[in-house]
Amino acid sequence: MILAGVNVAAVILVSSDSAYVSHLKLPLLIGFGFYFIVALTIASLFGQLANRLNPDRPTDGELDGLKLKDLKRVLQWSPRPYKIVGLLGLFSFCATFLVIGGVAWETKSPFERHHAIGIGLYVAALYAIALPVLAAFARLPSSVGEQIKVITGSDT
């Protein structure tokens, strides 16, 4: 959540004074890159969980991940404030898309104010969306086998 706050602070700074745009390019892009580490962590946890919940799934490359009911069970372990932040992040992501649209930037072109604002808002929203999932996995037992027992409510 701290990283989302840093991104929002960068957006506020750029919105108030355009002189800071060139100074914020590297921190915003590092924050965007770090989000991929967070996304890979979540994908890895979901992948392990999906494999254990559905052991008879096809292994020919057609992996459909967790079913919606399993995802709901996982998110039940997330504290309510984190779920609210996740919903606000989803709303923020949609609002940013409607107001700003897509953000495309190449290293050979100048990094401008709308790039900084767009990247900052999108990354902050993505961190907020990931927060309830990370919080749920932080509260669940560490081994996948124990997670299955807790999520499904079974002893097998």
C-alpha atoms as a PDB file:
ATOM      1  CA  MET A   1       0.000   0.000   0.000  1.00  0.00           C
ATOM      2  CA  ILE A   2       2.973   2.250   0.573  1.00  0.00           C
ATOM      3  CA  LEU A   3       3.929   1.902  -3.087  1.00  0.00           C
ATOM      4  CA  ALA A   4       0.417   2.923  -4.143  1.00  0.00           C
ATOM      5  CA  GLY A   5       0.683   5.971  -1.877  1.00  0.00           C
ATOM      6  CA  VAL A   6       4.053   6.896  -3.370  1.00  0.00           C
ATOM      7  CA  ASN A   7       2.571   6.715  -6.865  1.00  0.00           C
ATOM      8  CA  VAL A   8      -0.389   8.898  -5.877  1.00  0.00           C
ATOM      9  CA  ALA A   9       1.989  11.379  -4.236  1.00  0.00           C
ATOM     10  CA  ALA A  10       3.998  11.520  -7.475  1.00  0.00           C
ATOM     11  CA  VAL A  11       0.808  12.209  -9.435  1.00  0.00           C
ATOM     12  CA  ILE A  12      -0.138  15.015  -7.049  1.00  0.00           C
ATOM     13  CA  LEU A  13       3.354  16.488  -7.318  1.00  0.00           C
ATOM     14  CA  VAL A  14       3.308  16.397 -11.123  1.00  0.00           C
ATOM     15  CA  SER A  15      -0.219  17.810 -11.227  1.00  0.00           C
ATOM     16  CA  SER A  16       0.839  20.816  -9.165  1.00  0.00           C
ATOM     17  CA  ASP A  17       4.107  21.566 -10.969  1.00  0.00           C
ATOM     18  CA  SER A  18       5.278  20.195 -14.338  1.00  0.00           C
ATOM     19  CA  ALA A  19       8.930  20.837 -13.464  1.00  0.00           C
ATOM     20  CA  TYR A  20       9.078  17.552 -11.533  1.00  0.00           C
ATOM     21  CA  VAL A  21       8.116  15.338 -14.494  1.00  0.00           C
ATOM     22  CA  SER A  22      11.659  14.523 -15.584  1.00  0.00           C
ATOM     23  CA  HIS A  23      12.683  13.710 -11.999  1.00  0.00           C
ATOM     24  CA  LEU A  24       9.820  11.253 -11.505  1.00  0.00           C
ATOM     25  CA  LYS A  25      10.313   9.179 -14.647  1.00  0.00           C
ATOM     26  CA  LEU A  26      12.687   6.644 -13.083  1.00  0.00           C
ATOM     27  CA  PRO A  27      10.793   6.169  -9.769  1.00  0.00           C
ATOM     28  CA  LEU A  28       7.473   5.712 -11.594  1.00  0.00           C
ATOM     29  CA  LEU A  29       8.950   3.196 -14.013  1.00  0.00           C
ATOM     30  CA  ILE A  30      10.645   1.301 -11.171  1.00  0.00           C
ATOM     31  CA  GLY A  31       7.287   1.187  -9.356  1.00  0.00           C
ATOM     32  CA  PHE A  32       5.677  -0.151 -12.520  1.00  0.00           C
ATOM     33  CA  GLY A  33       8.403  -2.781 -12.859  1.00  0.00           C
ATOM     34  CA  PHE A  34       8.091  -3.785  -9.206  1.00  0.00           C
ATOM     35  CA  TYR A  35       4.379  -4.347  -9.757  1.00  0.00           C
ATOM     36  CA  PHE A  36       5.274  -7.179 -12.131  1.00  0.00           C
ATOM     37  CA  ILE A  37       7.088  -8.901  -9.261  1.00  0.00           C
ATOM     38  CA  VAL A  38       3.925  -8.564  -7.171  1.00  0.00           C
ATOM     39  CA  ALA A  39       1.802  -9.891 -10.057  1.00  0.00           C
ATOM     40  CA  LEU A  40       4.137 -12.871 -10.570  1.00  0.00           C
ATOM     41  CA  THR A  41       3.980 -13.662  -6.847  1.00  0.00           C
ATOM     42  CA  ILE A  42       0.176 -13.646  -6.931  1.00  0.00           C
ATOM     43  CA  ALA A  43       0.123 -15.755 -10.099  1.00  0.00           C
ATOM     44  CA  SER A  44       2.492 -18.269  -8.518  1.00  0.00           C
ATOM     45  CA  LEU A  45       0.372 -18.555  -5.373  1.00  0.00           C
ATOM     46  CA  PHE A  46      -2.818 -18.899  -7.407  1.00  0.00           C
ATOM     47  CA  GLY A  47      -1.184 -21.467  -9.676  1.00  0.00           C
ATOM     48  CA  GLN A  48      -0.110 -23.672  -6.773  1.00  0.00           C
ATOM     49  CA  LEU A  49      -3.514 -23.355  -5.175  1.00  0.00           C
ATOM     50  CA  ALA A  50      -5.355 -24.121  -8.428  1.00  0.00           C
ATOM     51  CA  ASN A  51      -3.202 -27.204  -9.022  1.00  0.00           C
ATOM     52  CA  ARG A  52      -4.047 -28.558  -5.574  1.00  0.00           C
ATOM     53  CA  LEU A  53      -7.759 -27.684  -5.714  1.00  0.00           C
ATOM     54  CA  ASN A  54      -8.222 -29.204  -9.174  1.00  0.00           C
ATOM     55  CA  PRO A  55      -5.701 -32.061  -9.497  1.00  0.00           C
ATOM     56  CA  ASP A  56      -7.501 -33.587 -12.494  1.00  0.00           C
ATOM     57  CA  ARG A  57      -7.297 -30.462 -14.675  1.00  0.00           C
ATOM     58  CA  PRO A  58      -5.847 -30.869 -18.130  1.00  0.00           C
ATOM     59  CA  THR A  59      -2.096 -30.296 -18.280  1.00  0.00           C
ATOM     60  CA  ASP A  60      -1.913 -29.718 -22.016  1.00  0.00           C
ATOM     61  CA  GLY A  61      -1.422 -25.981 -21.653  1.00  0.00           C
ATOM     62  CA  GLU A  62      -5.069 -25.083 -21.146  1.00  0.00           C
ATOM     63  CA  LEU A  63      -4.842 -23.871 -17.585  1.00  0.00           C
ATOM     64  CA  ASP A  64      -7.890 -21.985 -16.418  1.00  0.00           C
ATOM     65  CA  GLY A  65      -6.568 -21.131 -12.955  1.00  0.00           C
ATOM     66  CA  LEU A  66      -8.826 -20.777  -9.960  1.00  0.00           C
ATOM     67  CA  LYS A  67     -12.549 -21.023 -10.324  1.00  0.00           C
ATOM     68  CA  LEU A  68     -14.614 -18.054  -9.153  1.00  0.00           C
ATOM     69  CA  LYS A  69     -15.891 -19.924  -6.085  1.00  0.00           C
ATOM     70  CA  ASP A  70     -12.302 -20.710  -5.040  1.00  0.00           C
ATOM     71  CA  LEU A  71     -11.267 -17.099  -5.540  1.00  0.00           C
ATOM     72  CA  LYS A  72     -14.165 -15.980  -3.341  1.00  0.00           C
ATOM     73  CA  ARG A  73     -13.042 -18.421  -0.638  1.00  0.00           C
ATOM     74  CA  VAL A  74      -9.509 -17.022  -0.763  1.00  0.00           C
ATOM     75  CA  LEU A  75     -10.726 -13.426  -0.589  1.00  0.00           C
ATOM     76  CA  GLN A  76     -12.823 -14.228   2.485  1.00  0.00           C
ATOM     77  CA  TRP A  77      -9.510 -14.305   4.355  1.00  0.00           C
ATOM     78  CA  SER A  78      -8.762 -10.706   3.429  1.00  0.00           C
ATOM     79  CA  PRO A  79      -9.666  -8.078   6.069  1.00  0.00           C
ATOM     80  CA  ARG A  80     -12.617  -5.846   5.181  1.00  0.00           C
ATOM     81  CA  PRO A  81     -10.570  -2.601   4.905  1.00  0.00           C
ATOM     82  CA  TYR A  82      -8.297  -4.299   2.372  1.00  0.00           C
ATOM     83  CA  LYS A  83     -11.300  -5.419   0.331  1.00  0.00           C
ATOM     84  CA  ILE A  84     -12.579  -1.823   0.340  1.00  0.00           C
ATOM     85  CA  VAL A  85      -9.174  -0.588  -0.849  1.00  0.00           C
ATOM     86  CA  GLY A  86      -9.259  -3.224  -3.600  1.00  0.00           C
ATOM     87  CA  LEU A  87     -12.675  -2.024  -4.765  1.00  0.00           C
ATOM     88  CA  LEU A  88     -11.487   1.587  -4.675  1.00  0.00           C
ATOM     89  CA  GLY A  89      -8.471   0.516  -6.736  1.00  0.00           C
ATOM     90  CA  LEU A  90     -10.752  -1.125  -9.286  1.00  0.00           C
ATOM     91  CA  PHE A  91     -12.886   2.020  -9.437  1.00  0.00           C
ATOM     92  CA  SER A  92      -9.748   4.174  -9.733  1.00  0.00           C
ATOM     93  CA  PHE A  93      -8.433   1.984 -12.557  1.00  0.00           C
ATOM     94  CA  CYS A  94     -11.710   2.321 -14.495  1.00  0.00           C
ATOM     95  CA  ALA A  95     -11.908   6.070 -13.836  1.00  0.00           C
ATOM     96  CA  THR A  96      -8.305   6.554 -14.984  1.00  0.00           C
ATOM     97  CA  PHE A  97      -9.061   4.605 -18.144  1.00  0.00           C
ATOM     98  CA  LEU A  98     -12.136   6.719 -18.870  1.00  0.00           C
ATOM     99  CA  VAL A  99     -10.461  10.058 -18.143  1.00  0.00           C
ATOM    100  CA  ILE A 100      -6.888   9.500 -19.340  1.00  0.00           C
ATOM    101  CA  GLY A 101      -7.188   6.463 -21.590  1.00  0.00           C
ATOM    102  CA  GLY A 102      -4.146   4.400 -22.395  1.00  0.00           C
ATOM    103  CA  VAL A 103      -0.616   5.555 -21.696  1.00  0.00           C
ATOM    104  CA  ALA A 104       2.033   4.772 -24.276  1.00  0.00           C
ATOM    105  CA  TRP A 105       5.619   5.923 -23.899  1.00  0.00           C
ATOM    106  CA  GLU A 106       8.831   5.000 -25.671  1.00  0.00           C
ATOM    107  CA  THR A 107      12.308   5.660 -24.327  1.00  0.00           C
ATOM    108  CA  LYS A 108      13.231   7.758 -27.374  1.00  0.00           C
ATOM    109  CA  SER A 109      10.301  10.142 -26.818  1.00  0.00           C
ATOM    110  CA  PRO A 110      10.138  12.725 -24.009  1.00  0.00           C
ATOM    111  CA  PHE A 111       8.480  11.742 -20.731  1.00  0.00           C
ATOM    112  CA  GLU A 112       5.648  14.238 -20.369  1.00  0.00           C
ATOM    113  CA  ARG A 113       3.179  15.236 -17.706  1.00  0.00           C
ATOM    114  CA  HIS A 114       0.320  13.018 -18.960  1.00  0.00           C
ATOM    115  CA  HIS A 115       2.677  10.025 -18.952  1.00  0.00           C
ATOM    116  CA  ALA A 116       3.596  10.622 -15.305  1.00  0.00           C
ATOM    117  CA  ILE A 117      -0.018  11.117 -14.254  1.00  0.00           C
ATOM    118  CA  GLY A 118      -1.295   8.101 -16.188  1.00  0.00           C
ATOM    119  CA  ILE A 119       1.450   5.717 -15.097  1.00  0.00           C
ATOM    120  CA  GLY A 120       1.200   6.870 -11.479  1.00  0.00           C
ATOM    121  CA  LEU A 121      -2.567   6.412 -11.316  1.00  0.00           C
ATOM    122  CA  TYR A 122      -2.589   3.071 -13.122  1.00  0.00           C
ATOM    123  CA  VAL A 123       0.166   1.585 -10.978  1.00  0.00           C
ATOM    124  CA  ALA A 124      -1.417   2.873  -7.756  1.00  0.00           C
ATOM    125  CA  ALA A 125      -4.724   1.291  -8.798  1.00  0.00           C
ATOM    126  CA  LEU A 126      -3.026  -2.024  -9.624  1.00  0.00           C
ATOM    127  CA  TYR A 127      -1.298  -2.124  -6.231  1.00  0.00           C
ATOM    128  CA  ALA A 128      -4.641  -1.415  -4.536  1.00  0.00           C
ATOM    129  CA  ILE A 129      -6.344  -4.193  -6.515  1.00  0.00           C
ATOM    130  CA  ALA A 130      -3.595  -6.657  -5.509  1.00  0.00           C
ATOM    131  CA  LEU A 131      -3.774  -5.744  -1.814  1.00  0.00           C
ATOM    132  CA  PRO A 132      -6.753  -7.937  -0.791  1.00  0.00           C
ATOM    133  CA  VAL A 133      -5.226 -10.992  -2.462  1.00  0.00           C
ATOM    134  CA  LEU A 134      -1.852 -10.475  -0.807  1.00  0.00           C
ATOM    135  CA  ALA A 135      -3.549  -9.884   2.552  1.00  0.00           C
ATOM    136  CA  ALA A 136      -5.559 -13.083   2.191  1.00  0.00           C
ATOM    137  CA  PHE A 137      -2.470 -15.146   1.415  1.00  0.00           C
ATOM    138  CA  ALA A 138      -0.633 -13.502   4.323  1.00  0.00           C
ATOM    139  CA  ARG A 139      -3.359 -14.683   6.709  1.00  0.00           C
ATOM    140  CA  LEU A 140      -3.610 -18.212   5.297  1.00  0.00           C
ATOM    141  CA  PRO A 141      -1.226 -20.963   6.435  1.00  0.00           C
ATOM    142  CA  SER A 142       2.043 -21.018   4.512  1.00  0.00           C
ATOM    143  CA  SER A 143       1.835 -24.513   3.013  1.00  0.00           C
ATOM    144  CA  VAL A 144      -0.453 -25.106   0.068  1.00  0.00           C
ATOM    145  CA  GLY A 145      -1.849 -28.283   1.655  1.00  0.00           C
ATOM    146  CA  GLU A 146      -2.900 -26.392   4.781  1.00  0.00           C
ATOM    147  CA  GLN A 147      -4.370 -23.594   2.618  1.00  0.00           C
ATOM    148  CA  ILE A 148      -6.551 -26.163   0.836  1.00  0.00           C
ATOM    149  CA  LYS A 149      -7.846 -27.457   4.156  1.00  0.00           C
ATOM    150  CA  VAL A 150      -8.670 -23.970   5.388  1.00  0.00           C
ATOM    151  CA  ILE A 151     -10.233 -22.763   2.135  1.00  0.00           C
ATOM    152  CA  THR A 152     -12.348 -25.829   1.467  1.00  0.00           C
ATOM    153  CA  GLY A 153     -13.119 -26.539   5.119  1.00  0.00           C
ATOM    154  CA  SER A 154     -12.110 -30.184   4.789  1.00  0.00           C
ATOM    155  CA  ASP A 155      -9.585 -32.340   6.566  1.00  0.00           C
ATOM    156  CA  THR A 156      -8.371 -34.178   3.463  1.00  0.00           C
END
